[in-house]
Amino acid sequence: MGFLTRHAALLQLHFGILLLGGTPLFSKLVPLPALDIISWRSLFAALALAGMFLATRASIRLRSGRDYALVVGLGVLFAVHWVTYFHAMQVATVAVGVVAMFTFPVMTVLIEPLFNRRPPSSVDLLGGCAVVLGVYLMVPAFSLEDATTQGVLWGLLSALLYALRNVIQRHHFHRYSGGTALFYQVAVVLAVTAPFLSRASWQLPATGWALLLLLGVVFTAVPHTLFANALLRHSAVSVSLINCLQVVYATVFAALVLSELPGSRTIIGGALIVGAAAFESVRSARK
C-alpha cells in the first residue's frame, strides 16, 4: 500500500509538472496583455481554491496580523513575477521566456545565504557562472531593440522576483500549506492587477474566456495542489529534478501548438541553465 501511495504521488507530480509546462502557451493563445491574463488567471484560481477549501472544510485562517501583512508582500512579488514571465514570452518565444525564468533555482541559492548571513559557496558561484554563460549564448545581440534580448531580460527579472518570493516564503511563511499560501497570494495578485485591466478584456470572445478559465483552474490551481501533495511523499531532491522537466514540456508544447522551434543557441544556453538549476536544486535539497 505504501508503494502504491508513493507511486500515485509520483504520478501526480509528473502530471502537475506537465500541466505547468503547458501554462506558457496561454501567453500566446489568449489575445490579451500579460497583466490582463494574470488578473483573470488569479480570479479563477482563487475561486477554484476557495471551492476546494469549502468542500474539504479546511481552515485557511492565518495565525497573526504579521502573517497577513507578509502574505500581501509575497502576493505583490508573485504578481510582478507572473506578469513579467508572461510578458517575456509574449515579446520573444515561449522557450526563451521559460529558460530565462528557470534561472531562479541558481538565483535562489545565491540569495538565500543573505538571509542566513553567510556568503555563497564557491560551488554556488560556479553554478551562477554557468547560468551567465547560458544567458550569454541565448542572446544573439545585446540590443534592447532585439526581441530575444527583451525576452531574456524580462525572464531574468521574473526569475529574480520568484526567487525572492520563494526564499521569503520558505523562511517566514513555512507554517502554512502550499494551498493556503497560494490562495492568499493569488487573491493579492488579483487585487493588485484588477485596477489596471485594459478594455480588451471586456471585448474578449467566448473562446478567450474558456482559455482563461482553463488556465486558472486546470493549469494553476490543480498543478500547484498536486505539487504540494507530492512533497508529502517524495523528497525535495526528486521534486526538484522532475520540476526541471517543465522547461522541456513547455518547449515541446510550444513547438507542437505554436510552431515555435528553438534555435541552436537557445537549446545550448537552455541546457546549461537547466543543468545548473537541476544541480543546485539537488545540492540545496540535500543540505
Foldseek 3Di string as FASTA:
>chain_A
DLVVVLVVLVVLLLVLLLLLLALLVLLVVFPFQQLQLLLLLLVLQLVQLVVVCVVVVPDLDDDDPVLLVVLLVLLVLVLLLSNLLSNLCVLPNLLLSVLLLLLLLLLLQQPLVVVVVDHRDPLSVVLVVLLVVLLVLQDPDCDPVDSSNSSNVSSNSSSNSVSVSVSCCVVPVVVDAQSSSSSSSSVSSNVVRVVPGDPVVVVGDPVSVVVSSCCNNVSPNSSSVSLRSSVVNDAQLVSQQSSLCSSVSNQVCCCVPVVDHDDPSSVVSSVSSSVSSSVSSNVVRVD
